[in-house]
C-alpha atoms as a PDB file:
ATOM      1  CA  MET A   1     -47.650  32.419 -78.158  1.00  0.00           C
ATOM      2  CA  LYS A   2     -45.523  30.083 -75.963  1.00  0.00           C
ATOM      3  CA  LYS A   3     -42.564  28.209 -77.224  1.00  0.00           C
ATOM      4  CA  LEU A   4     -42.925  24.385 -77.189  1.00  0.00           C
ATOM      5  CA  ARG A   5     -40.736  22.728 -74.620  1.00  0.00           C
ATOM      6  CA  LEU A   6     -38.008  20.387 -75.797  1.00  0.00           C
ATOM      7  CA  ASP A   7     -39.711  17.367 -74.134  1.00  0.00           C
ATOM      8  CA  PHE A   8     -42.784  17.907 -76.295  1.00  0.00           C
ATOM      9  CA  TYR A   9     -40.739  16.476 -79.248  1.00  0.00           C
ATOM     10  CA  SER A  10     -39.806  13.255 -77.380  1.00  0.00           C
ATOM     11  CA  GLN A  11     -43.310  11.924 -77.994  1.00  0.00           C
ATOM     12  CA  THR A  12     -44.344   9.623 -80.819  1.00  0.00           C
ATOM     13  CA  PRO A  13     -44.452  11.211 -84.374  1.00  0.00           C
ATOM     14  CA  LEU A  14     -48.277  10.680 -84.538  1.00  0.00           C
ATOM     15  CA  THR A  15     -48.857  12.538 -81.183  1.00  0.00           C
ATOM     16  CA  VAL A  16     -46.508  15.360 -82.207  1.00  0.00           C
ATOM     17  CA  ALA A  17     -48.138  15.572 -85.661  1.00  0.00           C
ATOM     18  CA  GLN A  18     -51.622  15.818 -84.183  1.00  0.00           C
ATOM     19  CA  GLN A  19     -50.562  18.494 -81.695  1.00  0.00           C
ATOM     20  CA  LEU A  20     -48.641  20.625 -84.162  1.00  0.00           C
ATOM     21  CA  ILE A  21     -51.751  21.368 -86.148  1.00  0.00           C
ATOM     22  CA  GLY A  22     -52.585  25.027 -85.308  1.00  0.00           C
ATOM     23  CA  CYS A  23     -49.279  25.817 -83.817  1.00  0.00           C
ATOM     24  CA  TYR A  24     -47.147  28.640 -85.210  1.00  0.00           C
ATOM     25  CA  LEU A  25     -43.828  28.443 -86.918  1.00  0.00           C
ATOM     26  CA  VAL A  26     -41.815  31.560 -86.467  1.00  0.00           C
ATOM     27  CA  ARG A  27     -38.866  32.809 -88.493  1.00  0.00           C
ATOM     28  CA  GLU A  28     -36.838  35.613 -87.067  1.00  0.00           C
ATOM     29  CA  GLN A  29     -34.730  37.814 -89.196  1.00  0.00           C
ATOM     30  CA  GLU A  30     -33.283  41.360 -89.164  1.00  0.00           C
ATOM     31  CA  GLU A  31     -36.130  42.613 -91.438  1.00  0.00           C
ATOM     32  CA  GLY A  32     -38.825  41.186 -89.176  1.00  0.00           C
ATOM     33  CA  GLN A  33     -40.730  38.032 -88.323  1.00  0.00           C
ATOM     34  CA  ILE A  34     -42.547  35.606 -90.580  1.00  0.00           C
ATOM     35  CA  ILE A  35     -45.245  33.684 -88.726  1.00  0.00           C
ATOM     36  CA  GLY A  36     -47.206  30.867 -90.118  1.00  0.00           C
ATOM     37  CA  ARG A  37     -49.942  28.552 -88.647  1.00  0.00           C
ATOM     38  CA  ILE A  38     -49.227  24.931 -89.314  1.00  0.00           C
ATOM     39  CA  ASN A  39     -52.178  23.337 -91.117  1.00  0.00           C
ATOM     40  CA  GLU A  40     -50.875  20.148 -92.768  1.00  0.00           C
ATOM     41  CA  VAL A  41     -48.402  17.577 -91.433  1.00  0.00           C
ATOM     42  CA  GLU A  42     -47.294  14.005 -92.063  1.00  0.00           C
ATOM     43  CA  ALA A  43     -45.899  11.632 -89.388  1.00  0.00           C
ATOM     44  CA  TYR A  44     -43.017   9.266 -90.264  1.00  0.00           C
ATOM     45  CA  ASP A  45     -41.873   6.287 -88.258  1.00  0.00           C
ATOM     46  CA  SER A  46     -38.923   4.598 -89.901  1.00  0.00           C
ATOM     47  CA  ALA A  47     -39.563   1.300 -88.260  1.00  0.00           C
ATOM     48  CA  ILE A  48     -42.868   0.843 -90.222  1.00  0.00           C
ATOM     49  CA  ASP A  49     -43.060   3.545 -92.839  1.00  0.00           C
ATOM     50  CA  LYS A  50     -41.504   2.689 -96.252  1.00  0.00           C
ATOM     51  CA  ALA A  51     -41.732   6.417 -97.191  1.00  0.00           C
ATOM     52  CA  SER A  52     -39.369   7.364 -94.435  1.00  0.00           C
ATOM     53  CA  HIS A  53     -35.753   8.135 -95.622  1.00  0.00           C
ATOM     54  CA  ALA A  54     -34.598   6.003 -92.696  1.00  0.00           C
ATOM     55  CA  TYR A  55     -36.922   2.978 -93.288  1.00  0.00           C
ATOM     56  CA  GLY A  56     -35.459  -0.194 -91.937  1.00  0.00           C
ATOM     57  CA  GLY A  57     -32.760   1.539 -90.024  1.00  0.00           C
ATOM     58  CA  LYS A  58     -31.053   2.755 -93.153  1.00  0.00           C
ATOM     59  CA  ARG A  59     -28.576   5.468 -91.959  1.00  0.00           C
ATOM     60  CA  THR A  60     -26.958   7.873 -94.408  1.00  0.00           C
ATOM     61  CA  VAL A  61     -25.214  11.251 -94.184  1.00  0.00           C
ATOM     62  CA  ARG A  62     -28.440  12.727 -95.619  1.00  0.00           C
ATOM     63  CA  ASN A  63     -30.777  11.266 -93.099  1.00  0.00           C
ATOM     64  CA  GLU A  64     -28.490  11.337 -89.978  1.00  0.00           C
ATOM     65  CA  PRO A  65     -30.508  14.142 -88.303  1.00  0.00           C
ATOM     66  CA  LEU A  66     -33.473  11.821 -88.157  1.00  0.00           C
ATOM     67  CA  PHE A  67     -31.573   9.622 -85.761  1.00  0.00           C
ATOM     68  CA  GLN A  68     -31.047  12.462 -83.285  1.00  0.00           C
ATOM     69  CA  ALA A  69     -33.261  12.991 -80.154  1.00  0.00           C
ATOM     70  CA  GLY A  70     -36.476  14.967 -80.856  1.00  0.00           C
ATOM     71  CA  GLY A  71     -36.567  18.645 -81.074  1.00  0.00           C
ATOM     72  CA  ILE A  72     -34.291  19.565 -84.023  1.00  0.00           C
ATOM     73  CA  ALA A  73     -35.222  20.649 -87.441  1.00  0.00           C
ATOM     74  CA  HIS A  74     -34.198  18.644 -90.477  1.00  0.00           C
ATOM     75  CA  VAL A  75     -34.359  20.464 -93.819  1.00  0.00           C
ATOM     76  CA  TYR A  76     -33.660  18.591 -96.972  1.00  0.00           C
ATOM     77  CA  PHE A  77     -33.850  19.264-100.734  1.00  0.00           C
ATOM     78  CA  ILE A  78     -35.825  16.929-102.904  1.00  0.00           C
ATOM     79  CA  TYR A  79     -36.590  16.536-106.681  1.00  0.00           C
ATOM     80  CA  GLY A  80     -34.054  19.262-107.361  1.00  0.00           C
ATOM     81  CA  MET A  81     -36.571  21.963-106.488  1.00  0.00           C
ATOM     82  CA  HIS A  82     -38.173  21.774-102.968  1.00  0.00           C
ATOM     83  CA  ASN A  83     -36.809  22.242 -99.492  1.00  0.00           C
ATOM     84  CA  CYS A  84     -38.755  20.182 -96.934  1.00  0.00           C
ATOM     85  CA  LEU A  85     -38.901  20.786 -93.133  1.00  0.00           C
ATOM     86  CA  ASN A  86     -39.113  17.807 -90.758  1.00  0.00           C
ATOM     87  CA  VAL A  87     -39.352  18.206 -87.033  1.00  0.00           C
ATOM     88  CA  VAL A  88     -37.409  15.267 -85.515  1.00  0.00           C
ATOM     89  CA  THR A  89     -39.400  13.402 -82.822  1.00  0.00           C
ATOM     90  CA  GLY A  90     -38.889  10.599 -80.265  1.00  0.00           C
ATOM     91  CA  LEU A  91     -35.678   9.467 -78.705  1.00  0.00           C
ATOM     92  CA  ALA A  92     -32.139   9.242 -80.266  1.00  0.00           C
ATOM     93  CA  ASP A  93     -31.864   6.419 -82.758  1.00  0.00           C
ATOM     94  CA  ASP A  94     -35.760   6.295 -83.268  1.00  0.00           C
ATOM     95  CA  ALA A  95     -35.567   8.007 -86.635  1.00  0.00           C
ATOM     96  CA  THR A  96     -39.044   9.465 -86.384  1.00  0.00           C
ATOM     97  CA  ALA A  97     -40.211  12.808 -87.527  1.00  0.00           C
ATOM     98  CA  VAL A  98     -43.082  15.037 -88.662  1.00  0.00           C
ATOM     99  CA  LEU A  99     -42.988  16.708 -92.001  1.00  0.00           C
ATOM    100  CA  ILE A 100     -44.472  20.222 -92.118  1.00  0.00           C
ATOM    101  CA  ARG A 101     -46.530  20.058 -95.397  1.00  0.00           C
ATOM    102  CA  GLY A 102     -48.380  23.362 -95.081  1.00  0.00           C
ATOM    103  CA  ILE A 103     -48.602  26.607 -93.264  1.00  0.00           C
ATOM    104  CA  GLU A 104     -50.812  29.699 -93.535  1.00  0.00           C
ATOM    105  CA  ILE A 105     -48.714  32.849 -93.252  1.00  0.00           C
ATOM    106  CA  VAL A 106     -50.436  35.130 -90.642  1.00  0.00           C
ATOM    107  CA  GLN A 107     -47.618  37.738 -90.311  1.00  0.00           C
ATOM    108  CA  GLY A 108     -44.930  38.891 -92.681  1.00  0.00           C
ATOM    109  CA  ILE A 109     -46.417  37.746 -95.903  1.00  0.00           C
ATOM    110  CA  ASP A 110     -44.497  40.423 -97.897  1.00  0.00           C
ATOM    111  CA  LEU A 111     -41.255  39.448 -96.202  1.00  0.00           C
ATOM    112  CA  ALA A 112     -42.010  35.800 -96.982  1.00  0.00           C
ATOM    113  CA  ALA A 113     -42.588  36.712-100.666  1.00  0.00           C
ATOM    114  CA  GLN A 114     -39.202  38.558-100.744  1.00  0.00           C
ATOM    115  CA  ASN A 115     -37.498  35.397 -99.355  1.00  0.00           C
ATOM    116  CA  ARG A 116     -38.806  33.227-102.162  1.00  0.00           C
ATOM    117  CA  SER A 117     -37.060  35.204-104.907  1.00  0.00           C
END
């Protein structure tokens, strides 16, 4: 596995979303690694997508990470029960991102189960 370069994330959210399918998300911790293959994503462009937390340029403390340059993770809590992971894309102030909707764990499934409790 090769780590994606930072400039990969400066592309449009649709391009990044398409290319993230099949990539691996790796969580490193003292007990070991959890590795999952990304199998479902959604692309968000705040300029046109009403489902985006930043639609219409709306800037808040909660969505501020979306306005950063691509390549950072934005984790947020919704419905009082779910943590969601966005990968910020594009240039600073674009407010575009890709939501990681699903992964298949390929290594560390026991460790992942322990982290859920």
